Amino acid sequence: MIGPLGLDRTLTSREEINRCLWDTLDETTGRWGIKVARAEVTAIEPPPCVHDSDGEADARRT
């Protein structure tokens, strides 16, 4: 869900990510008769290596 997205898009697309998460959970748990009422990602914290590579990309752009 989040892995294929770039850092910028991940940080700005929370509603899209939440909808995809909800759809996936609802589809999977529906087989067991469970209805997901709500699911959301409240915080996305990239690992330090992502922060480091993002800073390197900024440095190359300038």
N, C-alpha and C. Protein backbone atom coordinates (compact mmCIF):
# COMPACT_ATOMS: atom_id res chain seq x y z
N MET A 1 0.81 -1.19 0.00
CA MET A 1 0.00 0.00 0.00
C MET A 1 0.86 1.26 0.00
N ILE A 2 1.79 1.32 0.94
CA ILE A 2 2.61 2.51 1.08
C ILE A 2 3.94 2.33 0.36
N GLY A 3 4.47 1.14 0.37
CA GLY A 3 5.79 0.87 -0.19
C GLY A 3 6.03 1.39 -1.60
N PRO A 4 5.09 1.19 -2.53
CA PRO A 4 5.33 1.64 -3.90
C PRO A 4 5.28 3.16 -4.09
N LEU A 5 4.77 3.89 -3.11
CA LEU A 5 4.65 5.34 -3.24
C LEU A 5 5.96 6.02 -2.87
N GLY A 6 6.26 7.11 -3.53
CA GLY A 6 7.42 7.91 -3.16
C GLY A 6 7.14 8.63 -1.84
N LEU A 7 8.20 9.16 -1.24
CA LEU A 7 8.06 9.80 0.06
C LEU A 7 7.10 10.98 0.01
N ASP A 8 7.25 11.85 -0.97
CA ASP A 8 6.36 13.02 -1.08
C ASP A 8 4.90 12.60 -1.18
N ARG A 9 4.63 11.64 -2.04
CA ARG A 9 3.24 11.20 -2.24
C ARG A 9 2.71 10.50 -0.99
N THR A 10 3.56 9.73 -0.34
CA THR A 10 3.14 9.04 0.89
C THR A 10 2.71 10.03 1.95
N LEU A 11 3.48 11.09 2.10
CA LEU A 11 3.18 12.06 3.15
C LEU A 11 1.99 12.95 2.83
N THR A 12 1.60 13.03 1.56
CA THR A 12 0.48 13.90 1.18
C THR A 12 -0.78 13.13 0.78
N SER A 13 -0.74 11.82 0.80
CA SER A 13 -1.87 11.01 0.32
C SER A 13 -2.48 10.16 1.41
N ARG A 14 -2.55 10.67 2.62
CA ARG A 14 -3.05 9.87 3.74
C ARG A 14 -4.47 9.37 3.49
N GLU A 15 -5.35 10.21 2.96
CA GLU A 15 -6.73 9.78 2.71
C GLU A 15 -6.79 8.63 1.72
N GLU A 16 -5.99 8.71 0.66
CA GLU A 16 -5.94 7.64 -0.34
C GLU A 16 -5.41 6.35 0.28
N ILE A 17 -4.37 6.47 1.10
CA ILE A 17 -3.80 5.30 1.77
C ILE A 17 -4.82 4.69 2.73
N ASN A 18 -5.52 5.53 3.49
CA ASN A 18 -6.53 5.03 4.42
C ASN A 18 -7.65 4.30 3.69
N ARG A 19 -8.07 4.83 2.57
CA ARG A 19 -9.14 4.19 1.79
C ARG A 19 -8.68 2.82 1.27
N CYS A 20 -7.46 2.76 0.77
CA CYS A 20 -6.91 1.50 0.27
C CYS A 20 -6.77 0.49 1.41
N LEU A 21 -6.31 0.95 2.57
CA LEU A 21 -6.19 0.09 3.75
C LEU A 21 -7.55 -0.44 4.16
N TRP A 22 -8.55 0.44 4.23
CA TRP A 22 -9.89 0.04 4.62
C TRP A 22 -10.47 -0.97 3.63
N ASP A 23 -10.31 -0.71 2.33
CA ASP A 23 -10.82 -1.64 1.31
C ASP A 23 -10.19 -3.02 1.45
N THR A 24 -8.87 -3.04 1.64
CA THR A 24 -8.16 -4.32 1.76
C THR A 24 -8.60 -5.08 3.01
N LEU A 25 -8.67 -4.39 4.13
CA LEU A 25 -9.11 -5.04 5.37
C LEU A 25 -10.55 -5.53 5.26
N ASP A 26 -11.42 -4.71 4.70
CA ASP A 26 -12.83 -5.06 4.58
C ASP A 26 -13.01 -6.28 3.67
N GLU A 27 -12.27 -6.29 2.58
CA GLU A 27 -12.37 -7.43 1.65
C GLU A 27 -11.88 -8.72 2.31
N THR A 28 -10.76 -8.62 3.01
CA THR A 28 -10.17 -9.81 3.63
C THR A 28 -11.00 -10.32 4.80
N THR A 29 -11.42 -9.42 5.68
CA THR A 29 -12.17 -9.86 6.86
C THR A 29 -13.62 -10.19 6.53
N GLY A 30 -14.12 -9.67 5.43
CA GLY A 30 -15.49 -9.97 5.02
C GLY A 30 -15.72 -11.46 4.80
N ARG A 31 -14.69 -12.17 4.42
CA ARG A 31 -14.80 -13.63 4.23
C ARG A 31 -15.14 -14.34 5.53
N TRP A 32 -14.79 -13.72 6.64
CA TRP A 32 -15.07 -14.31 7.95
C TRP A 32 -16.32 -13.73 8.59
N GLY A 33 -17.02 -12.89 7.86
CA GLY A 33 -18.23 -12.29 8.40
C GLY A 33 -17.96 -11.08 9.28
N ILE A 34 -16.78 -10.52 9.16
CA ILE A 34 -16.40 -9.35 9.96
C ILE A 34 -16.47 -8.11 9.08
N LYS A 35 -17.09 -7.07 9.58
CA LYS A 35 -17.19 -5.80 8.86
C LYS A 35 -16.28 -4.77 9.52
N VAL A 36 -15.33 -4.24 8.76
CA VAL A 36 -14.42 -3.22 9.28
C VAL A 36 -15.14 -1.88 9.22
N ALA A 37 -15.27 -1.23 10.36
CA ALA A 37 -15.97 0.05 10.43
C ALA A 37 -15.03 1.22 10.17
N ARG A 38 -13.78 1.08 10.59
CA ARG A 38 -12.86 2.19 10.41
C ARG A 38 -11.41 1.69 10.50
N ALA A 39 -10.58 2.25 9.68
CA ALA A 39 -9.15 1.97 9.71
C ALA A 39 -8.44 3.20 9.16
N GLU A 40 -7.37 3.61 9.82
CA GLU A 40 -6.64 4.76 9.30
C GLU A 40 -5.19 4.74 9.75
N VAL A 41 -4.35 5.33 8.93
CA VAL A 41 -2.96 5.55 9.26
C VAL A 41 -2.89 6.95 9.87
N THR A 42 -2.40 7.04 11.09
CA THR A 42 -2.36 8.35 11.75
C THR A 42 -1.01 9.02 11.64
N ALA A 43 0.04 8.24 11.44
CA ALA A 43 1.38 8.83 11.32
C ALA A 43 2.24 7.93 10.44
N ILE A 44 3.03 8.57 9.60
CA ILE A 44 3.97 7.84 8.76
C ILE A 44 5.35 8.40 9.09
N GLU A 45 6.20 7.55 9.61
CA GLU A 45 7.54 7.97 9.99
C GLU A 45 8.55 7.16 9.18
N PRO A 46 9.11 7.75 8.14
CA PRO A 46 10.08 7.03 7.32
C PRO A 46 11.34 6.70 8.13
N PRO A 47 11.98 5.58 7.82
CA PRO A 47 13.20 5.23 8.53
C PRO A 47 14.31 6.24 8.21
N PRO A 48 15.34 6.32 9.06
CA PRO A 48 16.41 7.28 8.86
C PRO A 48 17.06 7.20 7.47
N CYS A 49 17.18 6.00 6.93
CA CYS A 49 17.83 5.88 5.61
C CYS A 49 17.03 6.61 4.53
N VAL A 50 15.72 6.69 4.68
CA VAL A 50 14.89 7.42 3.72
C VAL A 50 15.12 8.92 3.88
N HIS A 51 15.21 9.38 5.11
CA HIS A 51 15.50 10.79 5.36
C HIS A 51 16.85 11.16 4.76
N ASP A 52 17.84 10.29 4.95
CA ASP A 52 19.18 10.55 4.43
C ASP A 52 19.19 10.63 2.92
N SER A 53 18.51 9.69 2.26
CA SER A 53 18.50 9.68 0.80
C SER A 53 17.71 10.86 0.25
N ASP A 54 16.67 11.29 0.97
CA ASP A 54 15.90 12.46 0.54
C ASP A 54 16.77 13.71 0.60
N GLY A 55 17.58 13.84 1.63
CA GLY A 55 18.48 14.97 1.75
C GLY A 55 19.54 14.96 0.66
N GLU A 56 20.03 13.78 0.30
CA GLU A 56 20.99 13.67 -0.79
C GLU A 56 20.38 14.08 -2.11
N ALA A 57 19.11 13.71 -2.33
CA ALA A 57 18.43 14.09 -3.56
C ALA A 57 18.25 15.60 -3.62
N ASP A 58 17.91 16.23 -2.49
CA ASP A 58 17.80 17.67 -2.46
C ASP A 58 19.12 18.34 -2.77
N ALA A 59 20.20 17.80 -2.23
CA ALA A 59 21.52 18.37 -2.47
C ALA A 59 21.91 18.28 -3.95
N ARG A 60 21.53 17.17 -4.61
CA ARG A 60 21.84 17.01 -6.03
C ARG A 60 21.03 17.98 -6.89
N ARG A 61 19.82 18.32 -6.45
CA ARG A 61 18.95 19.22 -7.21
C ARG A 61 19.46 20.66 -7.18
N THR A 62 20.20 21.03 -6.15
CA THR A 62 20.63 22.43 -6.02
C THR A 62 22.00 22.65 -6.60
